[in-house]
Protein backbone atom coordinates (compact mmCIF):
# COMPACT_ATOMS: atom_id res chain seq x y z
CA MET A 1 13.71 -95.18 -0.17
CA ASN A 2 11.49 -92.95 -1.90
CA PRO A 3 11.64 -92.50 -5.97
CA ALA A 4 12.87 -88.65 -5.66
CA GLU A 5 15.82 -89.91 -3.54
CA GLU A 6 16.61 -92.83 -5.83
CA TYR A 7 16.43 -90.51 -8.78
CA ILE A 8 19.24 -88.55 -7.31
CA LEU A 9 21.41 -91.56 -5.96
CA LYS A 10 21.27 -93.31 -9.50
CA GLN A 11 22.73 -90.33 -11.23
CA PRO A 12 25.95 -90.41 -12.82
CA GLU A 13 28.68 -88.15 -11.70
CA PRO A 14 28.96 -85.41 -11.51
CA TYR A 15 25.44 -84.81 -11.34
CA LYS A 16 25.03 -86.79 -8.24
CA SER A 17 27.35 -85.12 -6.07
CA ILE A 18 25.71 -81.41 -7.66
CA LEU A 19 22.23 -82.92 -6.45
CA LEU A 20 23.14 -84.06 -3.13
CA GLN A 21 24.68 -80.81 -1.98
CA LEU A 22 21.54 -79.22 -3.24
CA GLN A 23 19.27 -81.55 -1.31
CA VAL A 24 21.86 -80.83 1.76
CA VAL A 25 20.88 -77.27 1.17
CA PHE A 26 17.59 -77.18 0.61
CA GLU A 27 16.58 -79.56 3.33
CA HIS A 28 18.96 -77.32 5.88
CA LEU A 29 17.47 -74.12 4.99
CA PHE A 30 13.73 -75.74 4.92
CA PRO A 31 13.45 -78.36 7.43
CA GLU A 32 9.51 -78.32 6.57
CA ILE A 33 10.16 -78.85 3.00
CA GLU A 34 8.68 -82.00 1.51
CA LEU A 35 10.30 -83.91 -1.55
CA LYS A 36 8.37 -85.55 -3.83
CA TYR A 37 8.64 -87.22 -7.31
CA LYS A 38 6.72 -85.33 -9.93
CA TYR A 39 6.99 -85.34 -13.33
CA ARG A 40 9.71 -87.85 -13.05
CA ILE A 41 12.02 -85.68 -11.37
CA PRO A 42 12.45 -84.78 -7.42
CA PHE A 43 10.18 -81.85 -6.54
CA TYR A 44 10.08 -79.82 -3.35
CA TYR A 45 7.03 -78.59 -2.06
CA LEU A 46 6.97 -75.69 0.38
CA LYS A 47 3.70 -75.27 2.38
CA GLY A 48 2.14 -77.87 0.43
CA LYS A 49 2.68 -75.97 -2.92
CA PRO A 50 5.31 -77.00 -5.87
CA PHE A 51 8.50 -74.84 -4.89
CA CYS A 52 11.47 -76.24 -6.87
CA TYR A 53 12.42 -78.90 -9.00
CA PHE A 54 16.10 -80.75 -9.64
CA ASN A 55 16.61 -82.07 -13.15
CA ALA A 56 19.90 -83.87 -14.59
CA SER A 57 19.89 -82.99 -18.06
CA HIS A 58 22.56 -85.32 -19.46
CA LYS A 59 22.39 -83.98 -22.82
CA LYS A 60 22.67 -80.27 -22.02
CA GLN A 61 25.32 -81.51 -19.13
CA PHE A 62 23.84 -79.65 -16.08
CA VAL A 63 21.34 -79.86 -13.22
CA ASP A 64 18.81 -77.58 -13.46
CA VAL A 65 17.14 -76.02 -10.16
CA GLY A 66 13.86 -74.90 -11.18
CA ILE A 67 12.30 -72.51 -9.19
CA VAL A 68 8.33 -72.32 -9.79
CA LYS A 69 8.05 -68.74 -8.88
CA GLY A 70 11.19 -67.86 -10.64
CA LYS A 71 9.94 -64.96 -12.70
CA GLN A 72 9.15 -62.94 -9.57
CA LEU A 73 12.34 -62.94 -8.23
CA GLN A 74 14.06 -59.46 -7.83
CA ILE A 75 17.62 -60.62 -6.73
CA HIS A 76 20.53 -62.45 -8.68
CA THR A 77 18.46 -62.43 -11.78
CA GLU A 78 21.75 -62.27 -13.46
CA TYR A 79 22.10 -65.97 -12.53
CA LEU A 80 18.69 -66.93 -13.37
CA VAL A 81 17.67 -68.57 -16.63
CA THR A 82 14.42 -68.07 -17.67
CA GLU A 83 14.37 -69.49 -21.51
CA LYS A 84 11.02 -68.79 -22.94
CA ARG A 85 9.38 -69.29 -19.53
CA LYS A 86 6.39 -67.25 -18.66
CA ILE A 87 6.55 -68.27 -14.66
CA MET A 88 9.64 -70.21 -13.82
CA ALA A 89 13.38 -69.59 -13.74
CA SER A 90 16.49 -71.73 -12.81
CA LEU A 91 20.16 -71.75 -11.47
CA ARG A 92 21.98 -74.29 -13.58
CA TYR A 93 25.24 -75.90 -12.25
CA LYS A 94 27.68 -78.11 -14.45
CA THR A 95 30.24 -78.74 -11.33
CA ILE A 96 29.75 -78.81 -7.61
CA GLU A 97 32.27 -75.97 -7.77
CA ASP A 98 29.66 -73.89 -9.47
CA ILE A 99 27.51 -73.83 -6.79
CA ASP A 100 27.80 -70.71 -4.87
CA ASN A 101 25.73 -71.44 -1.58
CA ASP A 102 25.39 -67.57 -1.01
CA ILE A 103 23.37 -67.26 -3.92
CA LEU A 104 21.53 -70.14 -3.84
CA ILE A 105 20.12 -69.63 -0.44
CA GLU A 106 19.44 -65.77 -0.87
CA VAL A 107 17.57 -66.97 -4.10
CA LEU A 108 15.65 -69.67 -2.09
CA LYS A 109 14.79 -67.50 0.79
CA GLU A 110 13.42 -65.01 -1.75
CA ALA A 111 11.60 -67.80 -3.63
CA ALA A 112 10.05 -69.02 -0.20
CA SER A 113 9.13 -65.56 0.99
CA LEU A 114 6.36 -65.76 -1.82
CA TYR A 115 4.52 -68.77 -0.48
């Protein structure tokens, strides 16, 4: 098992369920995507370049899906958190029910189109 998968599986609930659901969506949507372990978190690479990361923030109680080129996105910007970031934006989930697959998939497809 690679360190990124280990990170996901070792998370307490609800983070673990959220991360597993996100992992299924990412890997189904982009079969060519590569999951690595960078900066001590799971980081997806698309076409050999950093694409998105998962970070379970226990202190703030959410899972952060950081999108590397997130500031360039034009759709669903009302759901994107930028917080003093110049390039990145993220989607945040506190529960598995918070995940709207339609929004997630549309955002990811637009982000992938930038590569």
